């Protein structure tokens, strides 16, 4: 995967900046090292299904089953 473009979500983000595709994004989960707060963290990256451009938006989720 190419290096993601950093994007801050302070407004609705529906259109790819690179190719202007407006149909939404796919998500990619990127494994991260554990922390004290999150044992199985994954970073969420948005990926344009049209051109493949990725956007790092700063979201982290916990992959543990509850």
N, C-alpha and C. Protein backbone atom coordinates (compact mmCIF):
# COMPACT_ATOMS: atom_id res chain seq x y z
N UNK A 1 0.85 -1.18 0.00
CA UNK A 1 0.00 0.00 0.00
C UNK A 1 0.89 1.24 0.00
N UNK A 2 0.59 2.19 -0.88
CA UNK A 2 1.32 3.45 -0.90
C UNK A 2 1.09 4.20 0.40
N UNK A 3 1.97 5.16 0.68
CA UNK A 3 1.81 5.96 1.90
C UNK A 3 0.49 6.73 1.86
N UNK A 4 -0.33 6.61 2.91
CA UNK A 4 -1.62 7.30 2.92
C UNK A 4 -1.47 8.81 3.00
N UNK A 5 -2.39 9.51 2.39
CA UNK A 5 -2.47 10.97 2.49
C UNK A 5 -3.13 11.28 3.84
N UNK A 6 -2.58 12.19 4.59
CA UNK A 6 -3.16 12.58 5.87
C UNK A 6 -4.37 13.46 5.62
N UNK A 7 -5.49 13.15 6.28
CA UNK A 7 -6.71 13.94 6.07
C UNK A 7 -7.41 14.12 7.41
N UNK A 8 -7.72 15.35 7.76
CA UNK A 8 -8.44 15.64 9.01
C UNK A 8 -9.92 15.76 8.70
N UNK A 9 -10.73 14.98 9.40
CA UNK A 9 -12.17 14.95 9.15
C UNK A 9 -12.90 15.99 10.00
N UNK A 10 -12.86 17.23 9.59
CA UNK A 10 -13.59 18.26 10.31
C UNK A 10 -14.87 18.63 9.56
N UNK A 11 -15.06 18.05 8.37
CA UNK A 11 -16.29 18.19 7.59
C UNK A 11 -16.60 16.83 6.96
N UNK A 12 -17.75 16.71 6.34
CA UNK A 12 -18.09 15.46 5.66
C UNK A 12 -17.06 15.17 4.57
N UNK A 13 -16.58 13.93 4.52
CA UNK A 13 -15.55 13.54 3.55
C UNK A 13 -16.10 12.40 2.70
N UNK A 14 -16.60 12.72 1.52
CA UNK A 14 -17.21 11.72 0.65
C UNK A 14 -16.56 11.62 -0.72
N UNK A 15 -15.73 12.60 -1.08
CA UNK A 15 -15.16 12.65 -2.42
C UNK A 15 -13.64 12.55 -2.36
N UNK A 16 -13.08 11.69 -3.19
CA UNK A 16 -11.63 11.52 -3.27
C UNK A 16 -10.98 12.80 -3.78
N UNK A 17 -9.98 13.28 -3.07
CA UNK A 17 -9.27 14.49 -3.46
C UNK A 17 -8.48 14.27 -4.76
N UNK A 18 -7.97 13.06 -4.95
CA UNK A 18 -7.11 12.77 -6.11
C UNK A 18 -7.90 12.63 -7.42
N UNK A 19 -8.99 11.83 -7.43
CA UNK A 19 -9.69 11.55 -8.68
C UNK A 19 -11.13 12.08 -8.72
N UNK A 20 -11.60 12.64 -7.60
CA UNK A 20 -12.93 13.21 -7.45
C UNK A 20 -14.07 12.17 -7.50
N UNK A 21 -13.74 10.90 -7.28
CA UNK A 21 -14.77 9.87 -7.16
C UNK A 21 -15.64 10.20 -5.96
N UNK A 22 -16.96 10.16 -6.11
CA UNK A 22 -17.86 10.59 -5.03
C UNK A 22 -18.73 9.47 -4.49
N UNK A 23 -18.32 8.23 -4.67
CA UNK A 23 -19.14 7.10 -4.24
C UNK A 23 -18.77 6.52 -2.89
N UNK A 24 -17.98 7.22 -2.07
CA UNK A 24 -17.60 6.71 -0.77
C UNK A 24 -16.27 5.97 -0.82
N UNK A 25 -15.89 5.38 0.31
CA UNK A 25 -14.57 4.76 0.44
C UNK A 25 -14.68 3.34 0.98
N UNK A 26 -13.68 2.53 0.69
CA UNK A 26 -13.49 1.24 1.34
C UNK A 26 -12.64 1.51 2.58
N UNK A 27 -12.63 0.56 3.53
CA UNK A 27 -11.74 0.71 4.67
C UNK A 27 -10.67 -0.37 4.64
N UNK A 28 -9.49 -0.02 5.13
CA UNK A 28 -8.37 -0.94 5.27
C UNK A 28 -7.96 -0.90 6.74
N UNK A 29 -7.79 -2.06 7.36
CA UNK A 29 -7.35 -2.12 8.75
C UNK A 29 -5.86 -2.43 8.77
N UNK A 30 -5.09 -1.61 9.48
CA UNK A 30 -3.64 -1.75 9.55
C UNK A 30 -3.27 -2.11 10.99
N UNK A 31 -2.65 -3.30 11.16
CA UNK A 31 -2.27 -3.76 12.49
C UNK A 31 -1.26 -2.81 13.12
N UNK A 32 -1.47 -2.54 14.43
CA UNK A 32 -0.58 -1.64 15.18
C UNK A 32 -0.10 -2.38 16.42
N UNK A 33 1.00 -1.92 17.03
CA UNK A 33 1.47 -2.56 18.26
C UNK A 33 0.52 -2.29 19.42
N UNK A 34 0.40 -3.24 20.36
CA UNK A 34 -0.49 -3.05 21.51
C UNK A 34 -0.05 -1.87 22.38
N UNK A 35 -1.03 -1.30 23.07
CA UNK A 35 -0.76 -0.23 24.04
C UNK A 35 -1.39 -0.63 25.37
N UNK A 36 -1.21 0.16 26.40
CA UNK A 36 -1.85 -0.13 27.68
C UNK A 36 -3.37 -0.07 27.58
N UNK A 37 -3.87 0.85 26.73
CA UNK A 37 -5.30 1.05 26.60
C UNK A 37 -5.97 0.06 25.64
N UNK A 38 -5.24 -0.34 24.59
CA UNK A 38 -5.82 -1.19 23.54
C UNK A 38 -4.88 -2.36 23.27
N UNK A 39 -5.37 -3.59 23.53
CA UNK A 39 -4.51 -4.76 23.37
C UNK A 39 -4.33 -5.20 21.92
N UNK A 40 -5.34 -5.01 21.07
CA UNK A 40 -5.24 -5.39 19.66
C UNK A 40 -5.69 -4.22 18.78
N UNK A 41 -4.89 -3.15 18.73
CA UNK A 41 -5.30 -1.98 17.94
C UNK A 41 -5.10 -2.17 16.44
N UNK A 42 -5.95 -1.50 15.69
CA UNK A 42 -5.80 -1.44 14.23
C UNK A 42 -6.11 -0.01 13.80
N UNK A 43 -5.28 0.53 12.95
CA UNK A 43 -5.55 1.83 12.37
C UNK A 43 -6.53 1.67 11.22
N UNK A 44 -7.45 2.61 11.07
CA UNK A 44 -8.42 2.58 9.98
C UNK A 44 -7.95 3.56 8.90
N UNK A 45 -7.78 3.06 7.69
CA UNK A 45 -7.38 3.88 6.56
C UNK A 45 -8.52 3.82 5.54
N UNK A 46 -8.90 4.97 4.98
CA UNK A 46 -9.91 5.01 3.93
C UNK A 46 -9.23 4.88 2.58
N UNK A 47 -9.82 4.06 1.68
CA UNK A 47 -9.21 3.82 0.36
C UNK A 47 -10.24 4.07 -0.73
N UNK A 48 -9.88 4.89 -1.69
CA UNK A 48 -10.75 5.18 -2.83
C UNK A 48 -10.84 3.93 -3.71
N UNK A 49 -12.06 3.41 -3.96
CA UNK A 49 -12.17 2.21 -4.80
C UNK A 49 -11.91 2.50 -6.28
N UNK A 50 -11.88 3.76 -6.66
CA UNK A 50 -11.67 4.12 -8.06
C UNK A 50 -10.18 4.22 -8.42
N UNK A 51 -9.41 5.03 -7.64
CA UNK A 51 -8.00 5.24 -7.99
C UNK A 51 -7.02 4.60 -7.00
N UNK A 52 -7.52 4.14 -5.85
CA UNK A 52 -6.64 3.49 -4.88
C UNK A 52 -5.97 4.42 -3.89
N UNK A 53 -6.19 5.73 -4.00
CA UNK A 53 -5.60 6.68 -3.05
C UNK A 53 -6.08 6.33 -1.64
N UNK A 54 -5.16 6.35 -0.68
CA UNK A 54 -5.52 6.07 0.70
C UNK A 54 -5.42 7.33 1.54
N UNK A 55 -6.25 7.38 2.59
CA UNK A 55 -6.31 8.53 3.49
C UNK A 55 -6.24 8.05 4.93
N UNK A 56 -5.25 8.53 5.66
CA UNK A 56 -5.11 8.23 7.08
C UNK A 56 -5.89 9.30 7.83
N UNK A 57 -6.91 8.85 8.59
CA UNK A 57 -7.80 9.81 9.26
C UNK A 57 -7.65 9.82 10.78
N UNK A 58 -6.74 9.00 11.30
CA UNK A 58 -6.46 9.03 12.73
C UNK A 58 -7.37 8.16 13.59
N UNK A 59 -8.17 7.29 12.97
CA UNK A 59 -9.04 6.41 13.73
C UNK A 59 -8.28 5.16 14.14
N UNK A 60 -8.50 4.70 15.37
CA UNK A 60 -7.92 3.45 15.87
C UNK A 60 -9.05 2.66 16.50
N UNK A 61 -9.15 1.37 16.17
CA UNK A 61 -10.16 0.51 16.76
C UNK A 61 -9.49 -0.66 17.47
N UNK A 62 -10.24 -1.31 18.35
CA UNK A 62 -9.77 -2.48 19.09
C UNK A 62 -10.35 -3.73 18.43
N UNK A 63 -9.50 -4.66 17.99
CA UNK A 63 -9.95 -5.85 17.28
C UNK A 63 -10.35 -7.01 18.20
N UNK A 64 -10.27 -6.82 19.50
CA UNK A 64 -10.65 -7.90 20.42
C UNK A 64 -12.13 -8.21 20.31
N UNK A 65 -12.45 -9.49 20.37
CA UNK A 65 -13.86 -9.89 20.44
C UNK A 65 -14.35 -9.66 21.85
N UNK A 66 -15.55 -9.19 21.99
CA UNK A 66 -16.09 -8.92 23.34
C UNK A 66 -17.10 -9.95 23.73
